[in-house]
C-alpha atoms as a PDB file:
ATOM      1  CA  MET A   1     -19.352 -30.767   2.503  1.00  0.00           C
ATOM      2  CA  ASP A   2     -17.304 -33.938   2.257  1.00  0.00           C
ATOM      3  CA  GLY A   3     -16.150 -32.951  -1.228  1.00  0.00           C
ATOM      4  CA  ILE A   4     -15.125 -29.470  -0.105  1.00  0.00           C
ATOM      5  CA  ASP A   5     -13.296 -30.884   2.913  1.00  0.00           C
ATOM      6  CA  GLY A   6     -11.390 -33.278   0.636  1.00  0.00           C
ATOM      7  CA  VAL A   7     -10.340 -30.484  -1.707  1.00  0.00           C
ATOM      8  CA  VAL A   8      -9.223 -28.302   1.202  1.00  0.00           C
ATOM      9  CA  LYS A   9      -7.182 -31.144   2.704  1.00  0.00           C
ATOM     10  CA  GLY A  10      -5.599 -31.901  -0.665  1.00  0.00           C
ATOM     11  CA  VAL A  11      -4.597 -28.258  -1.164  1.00  0.00           C
ATOM     12  CA  VAL A  12      -3.162 -28.107   2.362  1.00  0.00           C
ATOM     13  CA  TYR A  13      -1.139 -31.290   1.773  1.00  0.00           C
ATOM     14  CA  VAL A  14       0.241 -30.003  -1.536  1.00  0.00           C
ATOM     15  CA  PHE A  15       1.247 -26.639  -0.102  1.00  0.00           C
ATOM     16  CA  GLY A  16       2.714 -28.315   2.977  1.00  0.00           C
ATOM     17  CA  PHE A  17       4.810 -30.629   0.824  1.00  0.00           C
ATOM     18  CA  ALA A  18       5.949 -27.714  -1.365  1.00  0.00           C
ATOM     19  CA  ALA A  19       6.825 -25.611   1.685  1.00  0.00           C
ATOM     20  CA  THR A  20       8.858 -28.458   3.163  1.00  0.00           C
ATOM     21  CA  GLY A  21      10.788 -28.908  -0.077  1.00  0.00           C
ATOM     22  CA  TRP A  22      11.382 -25.169  -0.402  1.00  0.00           C
ATOM     23  CA  SER A  23      12.628 -24.916   3.196  1.00  0.00           C
ATOM     24  CA  LEU A  24      14.979 -27.862   2.720  1.00  0.00           C
ATOM     25  CA  MET A  25      16.334 -26.353  -0.495  1.00  0.00           C
ATOM     26  CA  LYS A  26      16.970 -22.975   1.182  1.00  0.00           C
ATOM     27  CA  PHE A  27      18.705 -24.742   4.067  1.00  0.00           C
ATOM     28  CA  VAL A  28      21.001 -26.684   1.739  1.00  0.00           C
ATOM     29  CA  LEU A  29      21.913 -23.556  -0.222  1.00  0.00           C
ATOM     30  CA  SER A  30      22.487 -21.478   2.905  1.00  0.00           C
ATOM     31  CA  VAL A  31      24.844 -23.916   4.634  1.00  0.00           C
ATOM     32  CA  PRO A  32      28.414 -23.072   3.590  1.00  0.00           C
ATOM     33  CA  LEU A  33      30.232 -26.170   2.364  1.00  0.00           C
ATOM     34  CA  ARG A  34      33.842 -25.168   2.161  1.00  0.00           C
ATOM     35  CA  VAL A  35      36.268 -27.195   0.095  1.00  0.00           C
ATOM     36  CA  SER A  36      39.879 -26.535   1.014  1.00  0.00           C
ATOM     37  CA  ASP A  37      41.932 -24.732  -1.570  1.00  0.00           C
ATOM     38  CA  THR A  38      44.335 -26.845  -3.583  1.00  0.00           C
ATOM     39  CA  SER A  39      47.821 -26.829  -2.104  1.00  0.00           C
ATOM     40  CA  VAL A  40      51.008 -26.727  -4.149  1.00  0.00           C
ATOM     41  CA  GLU A  41      51.599 -30.461  -3.790  1.00  0.00           C
ATOM     42  CA  GLU A  42      47.982 -31.205  -4.799  1.00  0.00           C
ATOM     43  CA  LYS A  43      48.267 -29.260  -8.071  1.00  0.00           C
ATOM     44  CA  ASP A  44      47.631 -31.529 -11.096  1.00  0.00           C
ATOM     45  CA  MET A  45      46.781 -34.425  -8.766  1.00  0.00           C
ATOM     46  CA  GLU A  46      43.465 -36.294  -9.035  1.00  0.00           C
ATOM     47  CA  VAL A  47      43.544 -39.393  -6.791  1.00  0.00           C
ATOM     48  CA  VAL A  48      44.520 -39.967  -3.155  1.00  0.00           C
ATOM     49  CA  LEU A  49      45.778 -43.406  -2.115  1.00  0.00           C
ATOM     50  CA  LYS A  50      46.047 -44.441   1.518  1.00  0.00           C
ATOM     51  CA  VAL A  51      49.011 -46.840   1.690  1.00  0.00           C
ATOM     52  CA  ARG A  52      50.427 -48.741   4.660  1.00  0.00           C
ATOM     53  CA  SER A  53      53.934 -47.537   5.421  1.00  0.00           C
ATOM     54  CA  ASP A  54      55.170 -50.282   7.759  1.00  0.00           C
ATOM     55  CA  GLY A  55      56.787 -52.382   5.021  1.00  0.00           C
ATOM     56  CA  PRO A  56      58.893 -52.133   1.847  1.00  0.00           C
ATOM     57  CA  GLU A  57      55.826 -52.242  -0.410  1.00  0.00           C
ATOM     58  CA  LEU A  58      55.305 -48.458  -0.368  1.00  0.00           C
ATOM     59  CA  GLN A  59      58.777 -47.762  -1.741  1.00  0.00           C
ATOM     60  CA  ILE A  60      58.380 -50.530  -4.323  1.00  0.00           C
ATOM     61  CA  PHE A  61      55.074 -49.036  -5.414  1.00  0.00           C
ATOM     62  CA  LEU A  62      56.526 -45.531  -5.770  1.00  0.00           C
ATOM     63  CA  ARG A  63      59.537 -46.806  -7.722  1.00  0.00           C
ATOM     64  CA  GLU A  64      57.677 -49.080 -10.132  1.00  0.00           C
ATOM     65  CA  VAL A  65      55.023 -46.498 -10.982  1.00  0.00           C
ATOM     66  CA  LYS A  66      57.763 -43.955 -11.680  1.00  0.00           C
ATOM     67  CA  GLU A  67      59.757 -46.362 -13.876  1.00  0.00           C
ATOM     68  CA  GLN A  68      56.864 -47.948 -15.794  1.00  0.00           C
ATOM     69  CA  THR A  69      54.472 -45.016 -16.284  1.00  0.00           C
ATOM     70  CA  ASP A  70      54.368 -41.276 -16.960  1.00  0.00           C
ATOM     71  CA  LEU A  71      52.226 -40.659 -13.884  1.00  0.00           C
ATOM     72  CA  THR A  72      53.366 -38.428 -11.046  1.00  0.00           C
ATOM     73  CA  LEU A  73      53.171 -39.640  -7.442  1.00  0.00           C
ATOM     74  CA  ARG A  74      53.630 -37.346  -4.460  1.00  0.00           C
ATOM     75  CA  VAL A  75      53.685 -38.374  -0.815  1.00  0.00           C
ATOM     76  CA  LYS A  76      51.382 -35.941   0.987  1.00  0.00           C
ATOM     77  CA  SER A  77      53.307 -34.072   3.646  1.00  0.00           C
ATOM     78  CA  ASP A  78      50.548 -32.746   5.887  1.00  0.00           C
ATOM     79  CA  SER A  79      46.778 -32.406   6.105  1.00  0.00           C
ATOM     80  CA  SER A  80      44.470 -31.399   8.935  1.00  0.00           C
ATOM     81  CA  LEU A  81      41.835 -33.768   7.505  1.00  0.00           C
ATOM     82  CA  LEU A  82      44.020 -36.878   7.537  1.00  0.00           C
ATOM     83  CA  HIS A  83      45.097 -37.257  11.165  1.00  0.00           C
ATOM     84  CA  ASP A  84      44.684 -41.036  11.125  1.00  0.00           C
ATOM     85  CA  ALA A  85      47.838 -41.264   9.010  1.00  0.00           C
ATOM     86  CA  ASP A  86      49.774 -40.792  12.259  1.00  0.00           C
ATOM     87  CA  ASP A  87      48.071 -43.713  14.019  1.00  0.00           C
ATOM     88  CA  PRO A  88      50.928 -45.864  15.418  1.00  0.00           C
ATOM     89  CA  THR A  89      48.780 -49.009  15.351  1.00  0.00           C
ATOM     90  CA  ASN A  90      48.030 -48.590  11.653  1.00  0.00           C
ATOM     91  CA  PRO A  91      50.815 -46.491  10.094  1.00  0.00           C
ATOM     92  CA  ALA A  92      49.779 -45.165   6.713  1.00  0.00           C
ATOM     93  CA  THR A  93      50.869 -42.600   4.168  1.00  0.00           C
ATOM     94  CA  TYR A  94      48.727 -40.668   1.729  1.00  0.00           C
ATOM     95  CA  VAL A  95      50.017 -40.702  -1.834  1.00  0.00           C
ATOM     96  CA  LEU A  96      48.720 -38.288  -4.478  1.00  0.00           C
ATOM     97  CA  ALA A  97      48.504 -39.572  -8.057  1.00  0.00           C
ATOM     98  CA  GLY A  98      48.103 -37.575 -11.246  1.00  0.00           C
ATOM     99  CA  ALA A  99      49.837 -36.337 -14.377  1.00  0.00           C
ATOM    100  CA  VAL A 100      51.598 -33.014 -14.808  1.00  0.00           C
ATOM    101  CA  SER A 101      51.178 -32.957 -18.589  1.00  0.00           C
ATOM    102  CA  PRO A 102      47.728 -33.280 -20.256  1.00  0.00           C
ATOM    103  CA  VAL A 103      49.422 -35.221 -23.050  1.00  0.00           C
ATOM    104  CA  VAL A 104      49.752 -38.153 -20.626  1.00  0.00           C
ATOM    105  CA  TYR A 105      45.972 -38.437 -20.343  1.00  0.00           C
ATOM    106  CA  GLN A 106      45.562 -38.242 -24.104  1.00  0.00           C
ATOM    107  CA  LYS A 107      48.014 -41.121 -24.626  1.00  0.00           C
ATOM    108  CA  LEU A 108      46.270 -43.189 -21.968  1.00  0.00           C
ATOM    109  CA  ALA A 109      42.875 -42.486 -23.558  1.00  0.00           C
ATOM    110  CA  GLU A 110      44.198 -43.731 -26.902  1.00  0.00           C
ATOM    111  CA  SER A 111      45.722 -46.789 -25.236  1.00  0.00           C
ATOM    112  CA  CYS A 112      42.544 -47.914 -23.462  1.00  0.00           C
ATOM    113  CA  GLY A 113      40.097 -46.634 -26.097  1.00  0.00           C
ATOM    114  CA  LEU A 114      38.301 -44.300 -23.702  1.00  0.00           C
ATOM    115  CA  ARG A 115      34.750 -43.536 -24.822  1.00  0.00           C
ATOM    116  CA  LYS A 116      34.234 -39.779 -24.788  1.00  0.00           C
ATOM    117  CA  ARG A 117      31.645 -37.315 -26.043  1.00  0.00           C
ATOM    118  CA  THR A 118      32.695 -35.103 -28.961  1.00  0.00           C
ATOM    119  CA  THR A 119      31.892 -31.400 -29.291  1.00  0.00           C
ATOM    120  CA  LYS A 120      28.879 -32.426 -31.421  1.00  0.00           C
ATOM    121  CA  GLY A 121      27.502 -34.719 -28.709  1.00  0.00           C
ATOM    122  CA  LYS A 122      28.488 -38.027 -30.311  1.00  0.00           C
ATOM    123  CA  TRP A 123      30.084 -40.750 -28.199  1.00  0.00           C
ATOM    124  CA  VAL A 124      33.188 -42.289 -29.796  1.00  0.00           C
ATOM    125  CA  HIS A 125      36.390 -44.009 -28.690  1.00  0.00           C
ATOM    126  CA  VAL A 126      39.460 -41.782 -28.531  1.00  0.00           C
ATOM    127  CA  ASP A 127      42.175 -42.613 -31.061  1.00  0.00           C
ATOM    128  CA  GLU A 128      44.893 -40.798 -32.989  1.00  0.00           C
ATOM    129  CA  ALA A 129      42.617 -40.068 -35.952  1.00  0.00           C
ATOM    130  CA  ASN A 130      39.780 -38.239 -34.192  1.00  0.00           C
ATOM    131  CA  HIS A 131      41.466 -35.716 -31.873  1.00  0.00           C
ATOM    132  CA  LYS A 132      39.837 -32.724 -33.578  1.00  0.00           C
ATOM    133  CA  GLU A 133      36.358 -34.062 -32.813  1.00  0.00           C
ATOM    134  CA  PHE A 134      36.941 -33.307 -29.116  1.00  0.00           C
ATOM    135  CA  LEU A 135      38.325 -29.773 -29.592  1.00  0.00           C
ATOM    136  CA  ASP A 136      36.034 -26.770 -29.736  1.00  0.00           C
ATOM    137  CA  GLU A 137      37.940 -24.401 -32.004  1.00  0.00           C
ATOM    138  CA  SER A 138      35.208 -21.757 -31.714  1.00  0.00           C
ATOM    139  CA  VAL A 139      35.931 -21.132 -28.028  1.00  0.00           C
ATOM    140  CA  PRO A 140      37.178 -17.549 -27.478  1.00  0.00           C
ATOM    141  CA  LEU A 141      40.536 -17.320 -25.771  1.00  0.00           C
ATOM    142  CA  ASP A 142      39.060 -15.347 -22.852  1.00  0.00           C
ATOM    143  CA  ALA A 143      35.978 -17.544 -22.292  1.00  0.00           C
ATOM    144  CA  ASP A 144      37.368 -20.486 -20.354  1.00  0.00           C
ATOM    145  CA  ALA A 145      41.023 -21.002 -19.538  1.00  0.00           C
ATOM    146  CA  ASP A 146      41.031 -24.802 -19.856  1.00  0.00           C
ATOM    147  CA  ALA A 147      38.906 -24.896 -23.007  1.00  0.00           C
ATOM    148  CA  ALA A 148      40.904 -22.111 -24.665  1.00  0.00           C
ATOM    149  CA  ALA A 149      44.207 -23.775 -23.791  1.00  0.00           C
ATOM    150  CA  ALA A 150      43.000 -27.125 -25.129  1.00  0.00           C
ATOM    151  CA  ALA A 151      41.747 -25.572 -28.366  1.00  0.00           C
ATOM    152  CA  SER A 152      45.013 -23.733 -28.964  1.00  0.00           C
ATOM    153  CA  SER A 153      47.321 -26.628 -28.021  1.00  0.00           C
ATOM    154  CA  GLY A 154      45.422 -29.379 -29.805  1.00  0.00           C
ATOM    155  CA  VAL A 155      45.380 -31.542 -26.651  1.00  0.00           C
ATOM    156  CA  ILE A 156      42.066 -33.189 -25.753  1.00  0.00           C
ATOM    157  CA  PRO A 157      40.569 -31.779 -22.513  1.00  0.00           C
ATOM    158  CA  PHE A 158      39.460 -34.387 -19.978  1.00  0.00           C
ATOM    159  CA  THR A 159      37.191 -34.026 -16.963  1.00  0.00           C
ATOM    160  CA  SER A 160      38.417 -34.977 -13.504  1.00  0.00           C
ATOM    161  CA  GLY A 161      36.277 -38.135 -13.634  1.00  0.00           C
ATOM    162  CA  GLU A 162      37.879 -39.206 -16.913  1.00  0.00           C
ATOM    163  CA  LYS A 163      41.340 -38.450 -15.539  1.00  0.00           C
ATOM    164  CA  ILE A 164      40.671 -40.643 -12.513  1.00  0.00           C
ATOM    165  CA  ASP A 165      39.567 -43.522 -14.751  1.00  0.00           C
ATOM    166  CA  LEU A 166      42.730 -43.135 -16.840  1.00  0.00           C
ATOM    167  CA  ILE A 167      44.974 -43.001 -13.764  1.00  0.00           C
ATOM    168  CA  LEU A 168      43.439 -46.176 -12.331  1.00  0.00           C
ATOM    169  CA  TYR A 169      43.748 -47.835 -15.738  1.00  0.00           C
ATOM    170  CA  GLN A 170      47.455 -46.994 -15.890  1.00  0.00           C
ATOM    171  CA  LEU A 171      48.082 -48.153 -12.315  1.00  0.00           C
ATOM    172  CA  SER A 172      46.379 -51.465 -13.097  1.00  0.00           C
ATOM    173  CA  GLN A 173      48.967 -52.135 -15.833  1.00  0.00           C
ATOM    174  CA  VAL A 174      52.038 -51.862 -13.583  1.00  0.00           C
ATOM    175  CA  ARG A 175      53.876 -55.121 -12.868  1.00  0.00           C
ATOM    176  CA  VAL A 176      56.080 -56.061  -9.913  1.00  0.00           C
ATOM    177  CA  LEU A 177      59.808 -56.110 -10.758  1.00  0.00           C
ATOM    178  CA  LEU A 178      61.738 -56.748  -7.561  1.00  0.00           C
ATOM    179  CA  HIS A 179      65.445 -56.012  -7.364  1.00  0.00           C
ATOM    180  CA  PRO A 180      67.695 -59.001  -6.544  1.00  0.00           C
ATOM    181  CA  SER A 181      68.323 -57.604  -3.064  1.00  0.00           C
ATOM    182  CA  GLU A 182      64.637 -56.985  -2.331  1.00  0.00           C
ATOM    183  CA  SER A 183      62.184 -59.283  -0.613  1.00  0.00           C
ATOM    184  CA  SER A 184      58.505 -58.971   0.162  1.00  0.00           C
ATOM    185  CA  THR A 185      55.990 -61.251   1.831  1.00  0.00           C
ATOM    186  CA  VAL A 186      53.233 -59.646  -0.238  1.00  0.00           C
ATOM    187  CA  LEU A 187      54.661 -59.190  -3.727  1.00  0.00           C
ATOM    188  CA  ALA A 188      56.262 -61.524  -6.245  1.00  0.00           C
ATOM    189  CA  ASN A 189      57.793 -60.794  -9.633  1.00  0.00           C
ATOM    190  CA  GLY A 190      55.170 -60.520 -12.354  1.00  0.00           C
ATOM    191  CA  ASP A 191      52.262 -59.669 -10.062  1.00  0.00           C
ATOM    192  CA  LEU A 192      49.961 -56.821 -11.008  1.00  0.00           C
ATOM    193  CA  LEU A 193      51.228 -54.315  -8.457  1.00  0.00           C
ATOM    194  CA  PHE A 194      48.163 -52.148  -7.824  1.00  0.00           C
ATOM    195  CA  GLN A 195      45.696 -55.039  -7.656  1.00  0.00           C
ATOM    196  CA  LYS A 196      47.971 -57.081  -5.391  1.00  0.00           C
ATOM    197  CA  LEU A 197      48.470 -54.226  -2.952  1.00  0.00           C
ATOM    198  CA  GLN A 198      44.705 -53.704  -2.781  1.00  0.00           C
ATOM    199  CA  GLU A 199      44.087 -57.423  -2.281  1.00  0.00           C
ATOM    200  CA  LYS A 200      46.623 -57.619   0.563  1.00  0.00           C
ATOM    201  CA  ARG A 201      45.308 -54.414   2.168  1.00  0.00           C
ATOM    202  CA  VAL A 202      48.541 -52.503   1.649  1.00  0.00           C
ATOM    203  CA  ILE A 203      46.573 -49.904  -0.294  1.00  0.00           C
ATOM    204  CA  LEU A 204      43.794 -49.343   2.226  1.00  0.00           C
ATOM    205  CA  SER A 205      41.590 -46.964   0.265  1.00  0.00           C
ATOM    206  CA  SER A 206      41.473 -44.550  -2.641  1.00  0.00           C
ATOM    207  CA  PHE A 207      39.372 -41.479  -3.301  1.00  0.00           C
ATOM    208  CA  ALA A 208      39.273 -38.448  -5.566  1.00  0.00           C
ATOM    209  CA  LEU A 209      40.485 -34.945  -4.857  1.00  0.00           C
ATOM    210  CA  HIS A 210      37.862 -32.225  -5.182  1.00  0.00           C
ATOM    211  CA  ASN A 211      38.073 -30.069  -8.289  1.00  0.00           C
ATOM    212  CA  ALA A 212      36.943 -26.602  -7.192  1.00  0.00           C
ATOM    213  CA  ALA A 213      36.116 -25.348 -10.704  1.00  0.00           C
ATOM    214  CA  GLU A 214      34.023 -28.402 -11.644  1.00  0.00           C
ATOM    215  CA  ARG A 215      32.278 -28.414  -8.278  1.00  0.00           C
ATOM    216  CA  LYS A 216      31.312 -24.737  -8.642  1.00  0.00           C
ATOM    217  CA  ALA A 217      29.992 -25.319 -12.169  1.00  0.00           C
ATOM    218  CA  LEU A 218      27.952 -28.306 -10.963  1.00  0.00           C
ATOM    219  CA  MET A 219      26.484 -26.261  -8.102  1.00  0.00           C
ATOM    220  CA  GLU A 220      25.371 -23.535 -10.519  1.00  0.00           C
ATOM    221  CA  THR A 221      23.945 -25.832 -13.210  1.00  0.00           C
ATOM    222  CA  TRP A 222      22.337 -28.409 -10.913  1.00  0.00           C
ATOM    223  CA  VAL A 223      21.959 -27.633  -7.199  1.00  0.00           C
ATOM    224  CA  LYS A 224      21.039 -23.952  -7.642  1.00  0.00           C
ATOM    225  CA  HIS A 225      19.294 -24.386 -10.991  1.00  0.00           C
ATOM    226  CA  LEU A 226      15.729 -23.910  -9.763  1.00  0.00           C
ATOM    227  CA  VAL A 227      13.788 -24.634 -12.936  1.00  0.00           C
ATOM    228  CA  PRO A 228      10.869 -27.110 -12.602  1.00  0.00           C
ATOM    229  CA  PHE A 229      11.296 -30.285 -14.671  1.00  0.00           C
ATOM    230  CA  ALA A 230      14.650 -29.090 -16.030  1.00  0.00           C
ATOM    231  CA  LYS A 231      16.985 -31.889 -17.063  1.00  0.00           C
ATOM    232  CA  ALA A 232      19.808 -32.615 -14.661  1.00  0.00           C
ATOM    233  CA  PRO A 233      23.338 -32.409 -16.142  1.00  0.00           C
ATOM    234  CA  ILE A 234      23.744 -36.182 -15.951  1.00  0.00           C
ATOM    235  CA  HIS A 235      27.050 -36.312 -17.836  1.00  0.00           C
ATOM    236  CA  ASP A 236      28.593 -33.634 -15.608  1.00  0.00           C
ATOM    237  CA  ILE A 237      27.310 -35.380 -12.472  1.00  0.00           C
ATOM    238  CA  ARG A 238      28.734 -38.684 -13.658  1.00  0.00           C
ATOM    239  CA  ASP A 239      32.092 -37.127 -14.542  1.00  0.00           C
ATOM    240  CA  TYR A 240      32.434 -35.434 -11.158  1.00  0.00           C
ATOM    241  CA  CYS A 241      30.702 -37.839  -8.751  1.00  0.00           C
ATOM    242  CA  GLY A 242      31.355 -41.149 -10.523  1.00  0.00           C
ATOM    243  CA  VAL A 243      29.352 -43.633 -12.566  1.00  0.00           C
ATOM    244  CA  GLU A 244      27.348 -44.981  -9.608  1.00  0.00           C
ATOM    245  CA  VAL A 245      26.082 -41.557  -8.500  1.00  0.00           C
ATOM    246  CA  GLY A 246      25.451 -40.511 -12.109  1.00  0.00           C
ATOM    247  CA  PHE A 247      23.394 -43.649 -12.736  1.00  0.00           C
ATOM    248  CA  TYR A 248      21.433 -43.115  -9.514  1.00  0.00           C
ATOM    249  CA  VAL A 249      20.572 -39.499 -10.394  1.00  0.00           C
ATOM    250  CA  ALA A 250      19.633 -40.499 -13.952  1.00  0.00           C
ATOM    251  CA  PHE A 251      17.319 -43.218 -12.597  1.00  0.00           C
ATOM    252  CA  LEU A 252      15.674 -40.802 -10.153  1.00  0.00           C
ATOM    253  CA  GLU A 253      15.128 -38.226 -12.887  1.00  0.00           C
ATOM    254  CA  HIS A 254      13.632 -40.789 -15.273  1.00  0.00           C
ATOM    255  CA  TYR A 255      11.480 -42.343 -12.534  1.00  0.00           C
ATOM    256  CA  THR A 256      10.197 -38.949 -11.320  1.00  0.00           C
ATOM    257  CA  ARG A 257       9.303 -37.776 -14.822  1.00  0.00           C
ATOM    258  CA  TRP A 258       7.267 -40.889 -15.535  1.00  0.00           C
ATOM    259  CA  LEU A 259       5.458 -40.581 -12.188  1.00  0.00           C
ATOM    260  CA  VAL A 260       3.916 -37.319 -13.400  1.00  0.00           C
ATOM    261  CA  TYR A 261       1.513 -39.155 -15.749  1.00  0.00           C
ATOM    262  CA  PRO A 262      -0.033 -41.566 -13.201  1.00  0.00           C
ATOM    263  CA  ALA A 263      -0.110 -38.676 -10.702  1.00  0.00           C
ATOM    264  CA  VAL A 264      -2.230 -36.606 -13.104  1.00  0.00           C
ATOM    265  CA  VAL A 265      -4.577 -39.559 -13.676  1.00  0.00           C
ATOM    266  CA  GLY A 266      -4.827 -40.134  -9.926  1.00  0.00           C
ATOM    267  CA  ALA A 267      -5.627 -36.471  -9.319  1.00  0.00           C
ATOM    268  CA  LEU A 268      -8.390 -36.542 -11.954  1.00  0.00           C
ATOM    269  CA  VAL A 269      -9.880 -39.723 -10.449  1.00  0.00           C
ATOM    270  CA  TYR A 270      -9.747 -38.149  -6.999  1.00  0.00           C
ATOM    271  CA  LEU A 271     -11.540 -35.011  -8.201  1.00  0.00           C
ATOM    272  CA  TYR A 272     -14.147 -37.123 -10.027  1.00  0.00           C
ATOM    273  CA  GLN A 273     -14.838 -39.119  -6.870  1.00  0.00           C
ATOM    274  CA  LEU A 274     -15.185 -35.932  -4.862  1.00  0.00           C
ATOM    275  CA  GLN A 275     -17.729 -34.590  -7.321  1.00  0.00           C
ATOM    276  CA  TYR A 276     -19.718 -37.728  -8.071  1.00  0.00           C
ATOM    277  CA  GLY A 277     -18.556 -40.815  -6.202  1.00  0.00           C
ATOM    278  CA  LEU A 278     -19.156 -39.577  -2.678  1.00  0.00           C
ATOM    279  CA  HIS A 279     -22.763 -38.564  -3.466  1.00  0.00           C
ATOM    280  CA  ASN A 280     -23.797 -41.967  -4.911  1.00  0.00           C
END
């Protein structure tokens, strides 16, 4: 009877665990997670910077980025999610950063030698000689707007994660060039502007804007993809959520897969003990 009781308990535990996981999954999928639609001023923008506005550094930052780069900066006018920008004790402004033309990202990728996956799955550094390796010329014009536009224009398509990396790379290259009539207690001529403003807590934080199309694709191919032991789209997760989250998910997937083998051995040992060990 002890063996039968053990088997029954094991089956109950397994089904209980499976039911809990299934219930949690249904709960996650049923809860509506609404991402606000992109406003006109957020179009083509990728990064949000929270910048202190109680000194001349904000205007210096806006001017130098405009003069030294091809990036576009927009001061966000209003947002129901960013009420703390009106805090009188800590006045701050939200600045949107991005590039209107996709050519800007391609030039930045060539400048920094961005490592990107080609249409054949090979990872190479972007340069002027290998543009065609990133273009899928077989994409039908009505299949995907971004892919079709990239294939027809010859401009390399970049994910939002890659664009954010390129924007931060470009911002890190900007130097401080004060006008003769300007003075700042934070900045000096020749300083790296972006790094200095972060160090002195003028730029308080930075985060990415949601990309509705990429988020929807990730939900369909990952969150709602209910196939046992299916591989997670690690590259897509990394591109959208960042390197840290991508690495964490990749580790969990690898760790879980390798746990299957000792779990099978443990189950066999458990069944053997139920059949023979408990009667000895």
